[in-house]
Amino acid sequence: MTSVLTVSLPPAAVTALFSSAIVACVIAQLFILRAVFRTLPILPSTSQVPTPHRLTEILWVVLPVGGLIAVFVGAYRALPL
């Protein structure tokens, strides 16, 4: 399928947009990491709510970082610069 509208941005604009997307994702990921690494509140032992396993939470936060890095590297290589 061919696009009717073709827009060509200068390489500097493409790089600036891509870099701003990376910065936004890094900031968001830092806030997520900060939330996970904070100490969890101590619940009463009679609580029916199961306490989360800290290692599991850390893995579920750190693993997507690797995925984001892979996506960003692949997307950067595909940029028409």
N, C-alpha and C. Protein backbone atom coordinates (compact mmCIF):
# COMPACT_ATOMS: atom_id res chain seq x y z
N MET A 1 0.85 -1.17 0.00
CA MET A 1 0.00 0.00 0.00
C MET A 1 0.89 1.24 0.00
N THR A 2 0.61 2.14 -0.88
CA THR A 2 1.40 3.35 -0.99
C THR A 2 0.69 4.50 -0.27
N SER A 3 1.49 5.32 0.35
CA SER A 3 0.94 6.48 1.05
C SER A 3 0.71 7.62 0.06
N VAL A 4 -0.40 8.29 0.21
CA VAL A 4 -0.70 9.43 -0.65
C VAL A 4 0.14 10.63 -0.25
N LEU A 5 0.36 10.77 1.05
CA LEU A 5 1.10 11.91 1.57
C LEU A 5 2.48 11.45 2.02
N THR A 6 3.49 12.04 1.45
CA THR A 6 4.85 11.71 1.85
C THR A 6 5.47 12.95 2.48
N VAL A 7 5.89 12.79 3.74
CA VAL A 7 6.51 13.89 4.47
C VAL A 7 7.94 13.48 4.76
N SER A 8 8.84 14.37 4.46
CA SER A 8 10.25 14.10 4.71
C SER A 8 10.77 15.12 5.71
N LEU A 9 11.22 14.61 6.84
CA LEU A 9 11.80 15.47 7.86
C LEU A 9 13.32 15.49 7.70
N PRO A 10 13.92 16.61 8.05
CA PRO A 10 15.39 16.63 8.03
C PRO A 10 15.95 15.66 9.08
N PRO A 11 17.11 15.09 8.81
CA PRO A 11 17.70 14.12 9.75
C PRO A 11 17.85 14.67 11.17
N ALA A 12 18.12 15.95 11.31
CA ALA A 12 18.27 16.53 12.66
C ALA A 12 16.93 16.49 13.40
N ALA A 13 15.83 16.72 12.71
CA ALA A 13 14.51 16.68 13.35
C ALA A 13 14.14 15.25 13.73
N VAL A 14 14.46 14.31 12.86
CA VAL A 14 14.19 12.90 13.16
C VAL A 14 14.97 12.46 14.39
N THR A 15 16.24 12.83 14.44
CA THR A 15 17.08 12.46 15.58
C THR A 15 16.57 13.13 16.86
N ALA A 16 16.15 14.38 16.77
CA ALA A 16 15.64 15.10 17.94
C ALA A 16 14.35 14.45 18.46
N LEU A 17 13.45 14.09 17.56
CA LEU A 17 12.21 13.42 17.99
C LEU A 17 12.50 12.07 18.62
N PHE A 18 13.39 11.32 18.00
CA PHE A 18 13.74 10.00 18.53
C PHE A 18 14.40 10.14 19.90
N SER A 19 15.31 11.10 20.03
CA SER A 19 15.99 11.32 21.31
C SER A 19 15.01 11.74 22.40
N SER A 20 14.04 12.57 22.06
CA SER A 20 13.06 12.99 23.06
C SER A 20 12.18 11.82 23.49
N ALA A 21 11.88 10.90 22.58
CA ALA A 21 11.12 9.71 22.95
C ALA A 21 11.93 8.82 23.90
N ILE A 22 13.22 8.70 23.64
CA ILE A 22 14.09 7.92 24.52
C ILE A 22 14.15 8.55 25.90
N VAL A 23 14.31 9.85 25.96
CA VAL A 23 14.39 10.55 27.26
C VAL A 23 13.09 10.36 28.04
N ALA A 24 11.94 10.46 27.36
CA ALA A 24 10.66 10.28 28.04
C ALA A 24 10.53 8.86 28.60
N CYS A 25 10.95 7.87 27.82
CA CYS A 25 10.88 6.48 28.30
C CYS A 25 11.84 6.23 29.45
N VAL A 26 13.02 6.82 29.40
CA VAL A 26 13.99 6.64 30.49
C VAL A 26 13.47 7.27 31.78
N ILE A 27 12.89 8.46 31.67
CA ILE A 27 12.34 9.11 32.86
C ILE A 27 11.21 8.28 33.46
N ALA A 28 10.32 7.78 32.61
CA ALA A 28 9.22 6.94 33.10
C ALA A 28 9.75 5.68 33.76
N GLN A 29 10.75 5.05 33.14
CA GLN A 29 11.31 3.83 33.71
C GLN A 29 12.00 4.10 35.04
N LEU A 30 12.65 5.24 35.18
CA LEU A 30 13.29 5.59 36.45
C LEU A 30 12.26 5.74 37.57
N PHE A 31 11.12 6.34 37.24
CA PHE A 31 10.07 6.46 38.25
C PHE A 31 9.50 5.09 38.63
N ILE A 32 9.38 4.20 37.65
CA ILE A 32 8.91 2.85 37.95
C ILE A 32 9.90 2.13 38.84
N LEU A 33 11.19 2.24 38.50
CA LEU A 33 12.23 1.60 39.33
C LEU A 33 12.24 2.18 40.73
N ARG A 34 12.06 3.48 40.85
CA ARG A 34 12.02 4.11 42.17
C ARG A 34 10.86 3.57 43.00
N ALA A 35 9.72 3.38 42.36
CA ALA A 35 8.56 2.86 43.08
C ALA A 35 8.78 1.42 43.54
N VAL A 36 9.47 0.63 42.74
CA VAL A 36 9.69 -0.78 43.09
C VAL A 36 10.75 -0.92 44.17
N PHE A 37 11.80 -0.12 44.09
CA PHE A 37 12.90 -0.28 45.05
C PHE A 37 12.63 0.38 46.40
N ARG A 38 11.56 1.15 46.50
CA ARG A 38 11.21 1.69 47.81
C ARG A 38 10.81 0.54 48.72
N THR A 39 10.98 0.72 49.98
CA THR A 39 10.61 -0.35 50.90
C THR A 39 9.09 -0.51 50.91
N LEU A 40 8.68 -1.74 50.93
CA LEU A 40 7.25 -2.03 50.97
C LEU A 40 6.74 -1.85 52.39
N PRO A 41 5.51 -1.37 52.53
CA PRO A 41 4.96 -1.24 53.88
C PRO A 41 4.79 -2.61 54.53
N ILE A 42 5.01 -2.64 55.82
CA ILE A 42 4.87 -3.90 56.56
C ILE A 42 3.39 -4.11 56.87
N LEU A 43 2.87 -5.22 56.37
CA LEU A 43 1.47 -5.53 56.60
C LEU A 43 1.33 -6.38 57.86
N PRO A 44 0.22 -6.29 58.54
CA PRO A 44 0.01 -7.16 59.69
C PRO A 44 0.03 -8.63 59.26
N SER A 45 0.49 -9.48 60.13
CA SER A 45 0.61 -10.90 59.78
C SER A 45 -0.76 -11.55 59.57
N THR A 46 -1.83 -10.93 60.05
CA THR A 46 -3.16 -11.50 59.88
C THR A 46 -3.81 -11.04 58.57
N SER A 47 -3.10 -10.28 57.78
CA SER A 47 -3.66 -9.75 56.54
C SER A 47 -3.91 -10.88 55.55
N GLN A 48 -5.03 -10.79 54.84
CA GLN A 48 -5.37 -11.79 53.83
C GLN A 48 -4.72 -11.47 52.48
N VAL A 49 -4.12 -10.31 52.38
CA VAL A 49 -3.48 -9.90 51.14
C VAL A 49 -2.07 -10.49 51.10
N PRO A 50 -1.76 -11.26 50.06
CA PRO A 50 -0.41 -11.84 49.99
C PRO A 50 0.62 -10.75 49.70
N THR A 51 1.78 -10.86 50.32
CA THR A 51 2.83 -9.88 50.07
C THR A 51 3.55 -10.25 48.78
N PRO A 52 3.86 -9.28 47.96
CA PRO A 52 4.55 -9.59 46.71
C PRO A 52 5.99 -10.00 46.96
N HIS A 53 6.49 -10.87 46.12
CA HIS A 53 7.89 -11.26 46.23
C HIS A 53 8.75 -10.17 45.59
N ARG A 54 9.67 -9.67 46.33
CA ARG A 54 10.47 -8.51 45.89
C ARG A 54 11.27 -8.84 44.62
N LEU A 55 11.89 -10.00 44.56
CA LEU A 55 12.68 -10.37 43.40
C LEU A 55 11.81 -10.44 42.14
N THR A 56 10.62 -10.97 42.28
CA THR A 56 9.70 -11.04 41.15
C THR A 56 9.33 -9.66 40.66
N GLU A 57 9.06 -8.75 41.57
CA GLU A 57 8.73 -7.38 41.17
C GLU A 57 9.90 -6.72 40.46
N ILE A 58 11.10 -6.92 40.98
CA ILE A 58 12.27 -6.32 40.36
C ILE A 58 12.49 -6.89 38.96
N LEU A 59 12.32 -8.20 38.79
CA LEU A 59 12.48 -8.79 37.47
C LEU A 59 11.46 -8.26 36.48
N TRP A 60 10.21 -8.09 36.92
CA TRP A 60 9.16 -7.58 36.03
C TRP A 60 9.37 -6.11 35.67
N VAL A 61 10.24 -5.43 36.40
CA VAL A 61 10.57 -4.06 36.05
C VAL A 61 11.84 -4.01 35.20
N VAL A 62 12.81 -4.84 35.51
CA VAL A 62 14.10 -4.79 34.82
C VAL A 62 14.04 -5.46 33.45
N LEU A 63 13.29 -6.53 33.29
CA LEU A 63 13.21 -7.22 32.01
C LEU A 63 12.69 -6.32 30.88
N PRO A 64 11.65 -5.53 31.09
CA PRO A 64 11.22 -4.63 30.00
C PRO A 64 12.26 -3.59 29.60
N VAL A 65 13.19 -3.28 30.49
CA VAL A 65 14.26 -2.35 30.13
C VAL A 65 15.07 -2.94 28.97
N GLY A 66 15.38 -4.21 29.05
CA GLY A 66 16.10 -4.88 27.96
C GLY A 66 15.31 -4.85 26.67
N GLY A 67 14.01 -5.06 26.78
CA GLY A 67 13.15 -4.99 25.60
C GLY A 67 13.11 -3.60 25.00
N LEU A 68 13.01 -2.59 25.85
CA LEU A 68 13.01 -1.21 25.37
C LEU A 68 14.33 -0.87 24.67
N ILE A 69 15.42 -1.31 25.24
CA ILE A 69 16.72 -1.05 24.62
C ILE A 69 16.79 -1.71 23.25
N ALA A 70 16.34 -2.95 23.15
CA ALA A 70 16.35 -3.66 21.86
C ALA A 70 15.47 -2.95 20.84
N VAL A 71 14.30 -2.49 21.25
CA VAL A 71 13.40 -1.78 20.34
C VAL A 71 14.02 -0.46 19.89
N PHE A 72 14.61 0.27 20.83
CA PHE A 72 15.21 1.55 20.46
C PHE A 72 16.40 1.37 19.52
N VAL A 73 17.22 0.37 19.76
CA VAL A 73 18.36 0.13 18.87
C VAL A 73 17.86 -0.26 17.48
N GLY A 74 16.87 -1.13 17.41
CA GLY A 74 16.33 -1.52 16.11
C GLY A 74 15.68 -0.36 15.39
N ALA A 75 14.95 0.47 16.13
CA ALA A 75 14.29 1.61 15.51
C ALA A 75 15.32 2.64 15.04
N TYR A 76 16.38 2.84 15.81
CA TYR A 76 17.39 3.81 15.42
C TYR A 76 18.11 3.36 14.14
N ARG A 77 18.35 2.06 14.05
CA ARG A 77 19.01 1.54 12.83
C ARG A 77 18.09 1.67 11.61
N ALA A 78 16.79 1.68 11.83
CA ALA A 78 15.84 1.77 10.72
C ALA A 78 15.55 3.22 10.31
N LEU A 79 16.02 4.18 11.12
CA LEU A 79 15.77 5.58 10.78
C LEU A 79 16.47 5.96 9.48
N PRO A 80 15.78 6.70 8.64
CA PRO A 80 16.42 7.12 7.38
C PRO A 80 17.28 8.37 7.60
N LEU A 81 18.51 8.16 8.01
CA LEU A 81 19.41 9.30 8.26
C LEU A 81 20.41 9.47 7.15
